[in-house]
Amino acid sequence: MMMQNNIGQPKICIACGTQYPSKVVPEYCTICKEDRQYIPPEEGQKWATHNQLLKAHSNRILKVKDRIYELKMVPSFAIG
């Protein structure tokens, strides 16, 4: 599902969810490059686009109490 290149579409880091404009996607996500973050070495840095996420994920809205709602992406994505 996650592809390295979709020309013209912003890229989203699948590890942390940070979005980068399509013209300035770094080799590694700036957030994930931080020592406290973890990118599995066998998988390496991966990117997705909004269109790819729309095909495989959906947003769920659950009313918890009056005027309190839970927003959740299903299945979970990035940090979760």
PDB file of N, CA and C in Angstrom:
ATOM      1  N   MET A   1       0.817  -1.195   0.000  1.00  0.00           N
ATOM      2  CA  MET A   1       0.000   0.000   0.000  1.00  0.00           C
ATOM      3  C   MET A   1       0.857   1.253   0.000  1.00  0.00           C
ATOM      4  N   MET A   2       1.894   1.323   0.814  1.00  0.00           N
ATOM      5  CA  MET A   2       2.697   2.531   0.903  1.00  0.00           C
ATOM      6  C   MET A   2       3.732   2.549  -0.217  1.00  0.00           C
ATOM      7  N   MET A   3       3.709   3.586  -1.004  1.00  0.00           N
ATOM      8  CA  MET A   3       4.628   3.704  -2.126  1.00  0.00           C
ATOM      9  C   MET A   3       5.619   4.828  -1.871  1.00  0.00           C
ATOM     10  N   GLN A   4       6.795   4.717  -2.463  1.00  0.00           N
ATOM     11  CA  GLN A   4       7.821   5.726  -2.295  1.00  0.00           C
ATOM     12  C   GLN A   4       7.515   6.992  -3.077  1.00  0.00           C
ATOM     13  N   ASN A   5       6.895   6.907  -4.237  1.00  0.00           N
ATOM     14  CA  ASN A   5       6.715   8.092  -5.068  1.00  0.00           C
ATOM     15  C   ASN A   5       5.310   8.203  -5.644  1.00  0.00           C
ATOM     16  N   ASN A   6       4.641   9.261  -5.356  1.00  0.00           N
ATOM     17  CA  ASN A   6       3.397   9.677  -6.000  1.00  0.00           C
ATOM     18  C   ASN A   6       3.604  11.147  -6.287  1.00  0.00           C
ATOM     19  N   ILE A   7       4.043  11.446  -7.475  1.00  0.00           N
ATOM     20  CA  ILE A   7       4.449  12.799  -7.848  1.00  0.00           C
ATOM     21  C   ILE A   7       3.333  13.801  -7.603  1.00  0.00           C
ATOM     22  N   GLY A   8       3.691  14.927  -6.970  1.00  0.00           N
ATOM     23  CA  GLY A   8       2.753  16.018  -6.755  1.00  0.00           C
ATOM     24  C   GLY A   8       1.919  15.935  -5.497  1.00  0.00           C
ATOM     25  N   GLN A   9       1.953  14.812  -4.795  1.00  0.00           N
ATOM     26  CA  GLN A   9       1.159  14.665  -3.577  1.00  0.00           C
ATOM     27  C   GLN A   9       2.058  14.795  -2.348  1.00  0.00           C
ATOM     28  N   PRO A  10       1.596  15.504  -1.312  1.00  0.00           N
ATOM     29  CA  PRO A  10       2.389  15.577  -0.080  1.00  0.00           C
ATOM     30  C   PRO A  10       2.634  14.173   0.465  1.00  0.00           C
ATOM     31  N   LYS A  11       3.782  13.970   1.073  1.00  0.00           N
ATOM     32  CA  LYS A  11       4.137  12.670   1.639  1.00  0.00           C
ATOM     33  C   LYS A  11       3.939  12.711   3.149  1.00  0.00           C
ATOM     34  N   ILE A  12       3.469  11.590   3.704  1.00  0.00           N
ATOM     35  CA  ILE A  12       3.201  11.468   5.133  1.00  0.00           C
ATOM     36  C   ILE A  12       4.048  10.320   5.668  1.00  0.00           C
ATOM     37  N   CYS A  13       4.809  10.581   6.718  1.00  0.00           N
ATOM     38  CA  CYS A  13       5.632   9.550   7.348  1.00  0.00           C
ATOM     39  C   CYS A  13       4.702   8.531   8.005  1.00  0.00           C
ATOM     40  N   ILE A  14       4.881   7.246   7.682  1.00  0.00           N
ATOM     41  CA  ILE A  14       3.980   6.254   8.275  1.00  0.00           C
ATOM     42  C   ILE A  14       4.339   5.925   9.720  1.00  0.00           C
ATOM     43  N   ALA A  15       5.527   6.327  10.183  1.00  0.00           N
ATOM     44  CA  ALA A  15       5.905   6.069  11.576  1.00  0.00           C
ATOM     45  C   ALA A  15       5.301   7.092  12.532  1.00  0.00           C
ATOM     46  N   CYS A  16       5.314   8.395  12.147  1.00  0.00           N
ATOM     47  CA  CYS A  16       4.854   9.428  13.088  1.00  0.00           C
ATOM     48  C   CYS A  16       3.700  10.281  12.554  1.00  0.00           C
ATOM     49  N   GLY A  17       3.415  10.221  11.251  1.00  0.00           N
ATOM     50  CA  GLY A  17       2.295  10.970  10.690  1.00  0.00           C
ATOM     51  C   GLY A  17       2.621  12.379  10.243  1.00  0.00           C
ATOM     52  N   THR A  18       3.890  12.789  10.298  1.00  0.00           N
ATOM     53  CA  THR A  18       4.266  14.131   9.857  1.00  0.00           C
ATOM     54  C   THR A  18       4.145  14.229   8.342  1.00  0.00           C
ATOM     55  N   GLN A  19       3.545  15.307   7.861  1.00  0.00           N
ATOM     56  CA  GLN A  19       3.351  15.504   6.415  1.00  0.00           C
ATOM     57  C   GLN A  19       4.407  16.462   5.882  1.00  0.00           C
ATOM     58  N   TYR A  20       4.944  16.128   4.709  1.00  0.00           N
ATOM     59  CA  TYR A  20       5.931  16.960   4.028  1.00  0.00           C
ATOM     60  C   TYR A  20       5.411  17.321   2.645  1.00  0.00           C
ATOM     61  N   PRO A  21       5.640  18.562   2.206  1.00  0.00           N
ATOM     62  CA  PRO A  21       5.257  18.939   0.840  1.00  0.00           C
ATOM     63  C   PRO A  21       5.992  18.044  -0.157  1.00  0.00           C
ATOM     64  N   SER A  22       5.364  17.759  -1.285  1.00  0.00           N
ATOM     65  CA  SER A  22       5.935  16.819  -2.248  1.00  0.00           C
ATOM     66  C   SER A  22       7.286  17.254  -2.795  1.00  0.00           C
ATOM     67  N   LYS A  23       7.580  18.540  -2.815  1.00  0.00           N
ATOM     68  CA  LYS A  23       8.837  19.009  -3.400  1.00  0.00           C
ATOM     69  C   LYS A  23      10.013  18.958  -2.435  1.00  0.00           C
ATOM     70  N   VAL A  24       9.772  18.786  -1.156  1.00  0.00           N
ATOM     71  CA  VAL A  24      10.866  18.813  -0.186  1.00  0.00           C
ATOM     72  C   VAL A  24      10.880  17.595   0.741  1.00  0.00           C
ATOM     73  N   VAL A  25      10.527  16.431   0.248  1.00  0.00           N
ATOM     74  CA  VAL A  25      10.523  15.236   1.083  1.00  0.00           C
ATOM     75  C   VAL A  25      11.971  14.835   1.372  1.00  0.00           C
ATOM     76  N   PRO A  26      12.363  14.835   2.651  1.00  0.00           N
ATOM     77  CA  PRO A  26      13.732  14.438   2.983  1.00  0.00           C
ATOM     78  C   PRO A  26      13.900  12.923   2.873  1.00  0.00           C
ATOM     79  N   GLU A  27      15.143  12.476   2.882  1.00  0.00           N
ATOM     80  CA  GLU A  27      15.394  11.038   2.851  1.00  0.00           C
ATOM     81  C   GLU A  27      14.791  10.373   4.087  1.00  0.00           C
ATOM     82  N   TYR A  28      14.914  11.073   5.234  1.00  0.00           N
ATOM     83  CA  TYR A  28      14.344  10.593   6.485  1.00  0.00           C
ATOM     84  C   TYR A  28      13.455  11.670   7.087  1.00  0.00           C
ATOM     85  N   CYS A  29      12.410  11.262   7.758  1.00  0.00           N
ATOM     86  CA  CYS A  29      11.523  12.190   8.455  1.00  0.00           C
ATOM     87  C   CYS A  29      12.306  12.899   9.560  1.00  0.00           C
ATOM     88  N   THR A  30      12.160  14.204   9.643  1.00  0.00           N
ATOM     89  CA  THR A  30      12.864  14.997  10.648  1.00  0.00           C
ATOM     90  C   THR A  30      12.511  14.554  12.065  1.00  0.00           C
ATOM     91  N   ILE A  31      11.255  14.228  12.302  1.00  0.00           N
ATOM     92  CA  ILE A  31      10.809  13.779  13.628  1.00  0.00           C
ATOM     93  C   ILE A  31      11.397  12.410  13.950  1.00  0.00           C
ATOM     94  N   CYS A  32      11.326  11.490  12.996  1.00  0.00           N
ATOM     95  CA  CYS A  32      11.786  10.120  13.228  1.00  0.00           C
ATOM     96  C   CYS A  32      13.306  10.002  13.277  1.00  0.00           C
ATOM     97  N   LYS A  33      13.998  10.983  12.760  1.00  0.00           N
ATOM     98  CA  LYS A  33      15.462  10.983  12.812  1.00  0.00           C
ATOM     99  C   LYS A  33      15.954  11.236  14.243  1.00  0.00           C
ATOM    100  N   GLU A  34      15.107  11.822  15.074  1.00  0.00           N
ATOM    101  CA  GLU A  34      15.404  12.063  16.496  1.00  0.00           C
ATOM    102  C   GLU A  34      15.723  10.731  17.176  1.00  0.00           C
ATOM    103  N   ASP A  35      16.724  10.715  18.023  1.00  0.00           N
ATOM    104  CA  ASP A  35      17.185   9.485  18.679  1.00  0.00           C
ATOM    105  C   ASP A  35      16.100   8.770  19.477  1.00  0.00           C
ATOM    106  N   ARG A  36      15.131   9.494  20.010  1.00  0.00           N
ATOM    107  CA  ARG A  36      14.084   8.871  20.832  1.00  0.00           C
ATOM    108  C   ARG A  36      13.013   8.184  19.997  1.00  0.00           C
ATOM    109  N   GLN A  37      12.962   8.461  18.723  1.00  0.00           N
ATOM    110  CA  GLN A  37      11.978   7.833  17.828  1.00  0.00           C
ATOM    111  C   GLN A  37      12.590   6.556  17.272  1.00  0.00           C
ATOM    112  N   TYR A  38      11.747   5.655  16.761  1.00  0.00           N
ATOM    113  CA  TYR A  38      12.239   4.374  16.262  1.00  0.00           C
ATOM    114  C   TYR A  38      11.708   4.101  14.863  1.00  0.00           C
ATOM    115  N   ILE A  39      12.625   3.814  13.957  1.00  0.00           N
ATOM    116  CA  ILE A  39      12.268   3.340  12.619  1.00  0.00           C
ATOM    117  C   ILE A  39      12.900   1.962  12.485  1.00  0.00           C
ATOM    118  N   PRO A  40      12.103   0.916  12.262  1.00  0.00           N
ATOM    119  CA  PRO A  40      12.672  -0.426  12.146  1.00  0.00           C
ATOM    120  C   PRO A  40      13.732  -0.477  11.042  1.00  0.00           C
ATOM    121  N   PRO A  41      14.963  -0.908  11.360  1.00  0.00           N
ATOM    122  CA  PRO A  41      16.035  -0.908  10.364  1.00  0.00           C
ATOM    123  C   PRO A  41      15.742  -1.801   9.167  1.00  0.00           C
ATOM    124  N   GLU A  42      15.012  -2.886   9.374  1.00  0.00           N
ATOM    125  CA  GLU A  42      14.709  -3.789   8.257  1.00  0.00           C
ATOM    126  C   GLU A  42      13.686  -3.185   7.293  1.00  0.00           C
ATOM    127  N   GLU A  43      12.875  -2.252   7.768  1.00  0.00           N
ATOM    128  CA  GLU A  43      11.864  -1.618   6.920  1.00  0.00           C
ATOM    129  C   GLU A  43      12.316  -0.261   6.410  1.00  0.00           C
ATOM    130  N   GLY A  44      13.044   0.481   7.229  1.00  0.00           N
ATOM    131  CA  GLY A  44      13.505   1.810   6.839  1.00  0.00           C
ATOM    132  C   GLY A  44      12.370   2.827   6.796  1.00  0.00           C
ATOM    133  N   GLN A  45      12.689   4.018   6.325  1.00  0.00           N
ATOM    134  CA  GLN A  45      11.713   5.109   6.221  1.00  0.00           C
ATOM    135  C   GLN A  45      10.688   4.801   5.139  1.00  0.00           C
ATOM    136  N   LYS A  46       9.416   4.963   5.454  1.00  0.00           N
ATOM    137  CA  LYS A  46       8.344   4.740   4.474  1.00  0.00           C
ATOM    138  C   LYS A  46       7.419   5.943   4.465  1.00  0.00           C
ATOM    139  N   TRP A  47       6.837   6.188   3.307  1.00  0.00           N
ATOM    140  CA  TRP A  47       5.959   7.341   3.106  1.00  0.00           C
ATOM    141  C   TRP A  47       4.633   6.885   2.514  1.00  0.00           C
ATOM    142  N   ALA A  48       3.579   7.642   2.793  1.00  0.00           N
ATOM    143  CA  ALA A  48       2.257   7.412   2.209  1.00  0.00           C
ATOM    144  C   ALA A  48       1.731   8.748   1.702  1.00  0.00           C
ATOM    145  N   THR A  49       0.654   8.693   0.932  1.00  0.00           N
ATOM    146  CA  THR A  49      -0.036   9.902   0.487  1.00  0.00           C
ATOM    147  C   THR A  49      -1.447   9.876   1.067  1.00  0.00           C
ATOM    148  N   HIS A  50      -2.136  10.997   0.997  1.00  0.00           N
ATOM    149  CA  HIS A  50      -3.524  11.042   1.477  1.00  0.00           C
ATOM    150  C   HIS A  50      -4.383  10.026   0.725  1.00  0.00           C
ATOM    151  N   ASN A  51      -4.188   9.919  -0.581  1.00  0.00           N
ATOM    152  CA  ASN A  51      -4.985   8.971  -1.368  1.00  0.00           C
ATOM    153  C   ASN A  51      -4.767   7.540  -0.906  1.00  0.00           C
ATOM    154  N   GLN A  52      -3.532   7.183  -0.591  1.00  0.00           N
ATOM    155  CA  GLN A  52      -3.256   5.830  -0.106  1.00  0.00           C
ATOM    156  C   GLN A  52      -3.928   5.587   1.244  1.00  0.00           C
ATOM    157  N   LEU A  53      -3.891   6.585   2.119  1.00  0.00           N
ATOM    158  CA  LEU A  53      -4.544   6.434   3.423  1.00  0.00           C
ATOM    159  C   LEU A  53      -6.055   6.303   3.279  1.00  0.00           C
ATOM    160  N   LEU A  54      -6.640   7.073   2.366  1.00  0.00           N
ATOM    161  CA  LEU A  54      -8.091   7.004   2.150  1.00  0.00           C
ATOM    162  C   LEU A  54      -8.536   5.628   1.690  1.00  0.00           C
ATOM    163  N   LYS A  55      -7.699   4.935   0.933  1.00  0.00           N
ATOM    164  CA  LYS A  55      -8.047   3.602   0.427  1.00  0.00           C
ATOM    165  C   LYS A  55      -8.025   2.538   1.519  1.00  0.00           C
ATOM    166  N   ALA A  56      -7.163   2.713   2.521  1.00  0.00           N
ATOM    167  CA  ALA A  56      -6.972   1.657   3.513  1.00  0.00           C
ATOM    168  C   ALA A  56      -7.452   2.010   4.925  1.00  0.00           C
ATOM    169  N   HIS A  57      -7.805   3.275   5.159  1.00  0.00           N
ATOM    170  CA  HIS A  57      -8.181   3.718   6.503  1.00  0.00           C
ATOM    171  C   HIS A  57      -9.480   4.522   6.460  1.00  0.00           C
ATOM    172  N   SER A  58     -10.096   4.630   7.620  1.00  0.00           N
ATOM    173  CA  SER A  58     -11.266   5.499   7.742  1.00  0.00           C
ATOM    174  C   SER A  58     -11.232   6.164   9.116  1.00  0.00           C
ATOM    175  N   ASN A  59     -11.984   7.229   9.248  1.00  0.00           N
ATOM    176  CA  ASN A  59     -12.085   7.929  10.529  1.00  0.00           C
ATOM    177  C   ASN A  59     -13.400   7.571  11.193  1.00  0.00           C
ATOM    178  N   ARG A  60     -13.334   7.255  12.475  1.00  0.00           N
ATOM    179  CA  ARG A  60     -14.526   6.917  13.244  1.00  0.00           C
ATOM    180  C   ARG A  60     -14.753   8.008  14.280  1.00  0.00           C
ATOM    181  N   ILE A  61     -16.004   8.384  14.453  1.00  0.00           N
ATOM    182  CA  ILE A  61     -16.372   9.382  15.457  1.00  0.00           C
ATOM    183  C   ILE A  61     -17.319   8.718  16.442  1.00  0.00           C
ATOM    184  N   LEU A  62     -16.940   8.724  17.707  1.00  0.00           N
ATOM    185  CA  LEU A  62     -17.737   8.099  18.754  1.00  0.00           C
ATOM    186  C   LEU A  62     -18.106   9.155  19.788  1.00  0.00           C
ATOM    187  N   LYS A  63     -19.399   9.283  20.062  1.00  0.00           N
ATOM    188  CA  LYS A  63     -19.842  10.224  21.092  1.00  0.00           C
ATOM    189  C   LYS A  63     -19.600   9.587  22.454  1.00  0.00           C
ATOM    190  N   VAL A  64     -18.759  10.215  23.262  1.00  0.00           N
ATOM    191  CA  VAL A  64     -18.420   9.709  24.587  1.00  0.00           C
ATOM    192  C   VAL A  64     -19.409  10.235  25.619  1.00  0.00           C
ATOM    193  N   LYS A  65     -19.625  11.549  25.611  1.00  0.00           N
ATOM    194  CA  LYS A  65     -20.587  12.225  26.477  1.00  0.00           C
ATOM    195  C   LYS A  65     -21.133  13.401  25.685  1.00  0.00           C
ATOM    196  N   ASP A  66     -22.064  14.105  26.280  1.00  0.00           N
ATOM    197  CA  ASP A  66     -22.592  15.297  25.627  1.00  0.00           C
ATOM    198  C   ASP A  66     -21.445  16.260  25.325  1.00  0.00           C
ATOM    199  N   ARG A  67     -21.262  16.603  24.082  1.00  0.00           N
ATOM    200  CA  ARG A  67     -20.237  17.523  23.580  1.00  0.00           C
ATOM    201  C   ARG A  67     -18.813  16.990  23.692  1.00  0.00           C
ATOM    202  N   ILE A  68     -18.653  15.690  23.934  1.00  0.00           N
ATOM    203  CA  ILE A  68     -17.321  15.071  23.960  1.00  0.00           C
ATOM    204  C   ILE A  68     -17.323  13.903  22.980  1.00  0.00           C
ATOM    205  N   TYR A  69     -16.414  13.957  22.018  1.00  0.00           N
ATOM    206  CA  TYR A  69     -16.330  12.942  20.979  1.00  0.00           C
ATOM    207  C   TYR A  69     -14.921  12.380  20.894  1.00  0.00           C
ATOM    208  N   GLU A  70     -14.835  11.125  20.523  1.00  0.00           N
ATOM    209  CA  GLU A  70     -13.550  10.482  20.271  1.00  0.00           C
ATOM    210  C   GLU A  70     -13.388  10.362  18.764  1.00  0.00           C
ATOM    211  N   LEU A  71     -12.269  10.843  18.246  1.00  0.00           N
ATOM    212  CA  LEU A  71     -11.951  10.711  16.830  1.00  0.00           C
ATOM    213  C   LEU A  71     -10.841   9.684  16.706  1.00  0.00           C
ATOM    214  N   LYS A  72     -11.027   8.711  15.816  1.00  0.00           N
ATOM    215  CA  LYS A  72     -10.067   7.622  15.730  1.00  0.00           C
ATOM    216  C   LYS A  72      -9.886   7.198  14.279  1.00  0.00           C
ATOM    217  N   MET A  73      -8.642   6.952  13.876  1.00  0.00           N
ATOM    218  CA  MET A  73      -8.382   6.416  12.545  1.00  0.00           C
ATOM    219  C   MET A  73      -8.331   4.896  12.663  1.00  0.00           C
ATOM    220  N   VAL A  74      -9.032   4.208  11.771  1.00  0.00           N
ATOM    221  CA  VAL A  74      -9.125   2.752  11.792  1.00  0.00           C
ATOM    222  C   VAL A  74      -8.686   2.206  10.441  1.00  0.00           C
ATOM    223  N   PRO A  75      -7.748   1.249  10.396  1.00  0.00           N
ATOM    224  CA  PRO A  75      -6.899   0.829  11.494  1.00  0.00           C
ATOM    225  C   PRO A  75      -5.990   1.969  11.930  1.00  0.00           C
ATOM    226  N   SER A  76      -5.373   1.833  13.096  1.00  0.00           N
ATOM    227  CA  SER A  76      -4.545   2.928  13.614  1.00  0.00           C
ATOM    228  C   SER A  76      -3.412   3.227  12.643  1.00  0.00           C
ATOM    229  N   PHE A  77      -2.929   4.450  12.711  1.00  0.00           N
ATOM    230  CA  PHE A  77      -1.888   4.910  11.795  1.00  0.00           C
ATOM    231  C   PHE A  77      -0.852   5.711  12.561  1.00  0.00           C
ATOM    232  N   ALA A  78       0.394   5.585  12.145  1.00  0.00           N
ATOM    233  CA  ALA A  78       1.508   6.342  12.713  1.00  0.00           C
ATOM    234  C   ALA A  78       1.621   6.071  14.206  1.00  0.00           C
ATOM    235  N   ILE A  79       1.707   7.111  15.011  1.00  0.00           N
ATOM    236  CA  ILE A  79       1.896   6.935  16.450  1.00  0.00           C
ATOM    237  C   ILE A  79       0.646   6.330  17.091  1.00  0.00           C
ATOM    238  N   GLY A  80      -0.475   6.455  16.431  1.00  0.00           N
ATOM    239  CA  GLY A  80      -1.658   5.769  16.868  1.00  0.00           C
ATOM    240  C   GLY A  80      -2.673   6.603  17.526  1.00  0.00           C
TER     241      GLY A  80
END
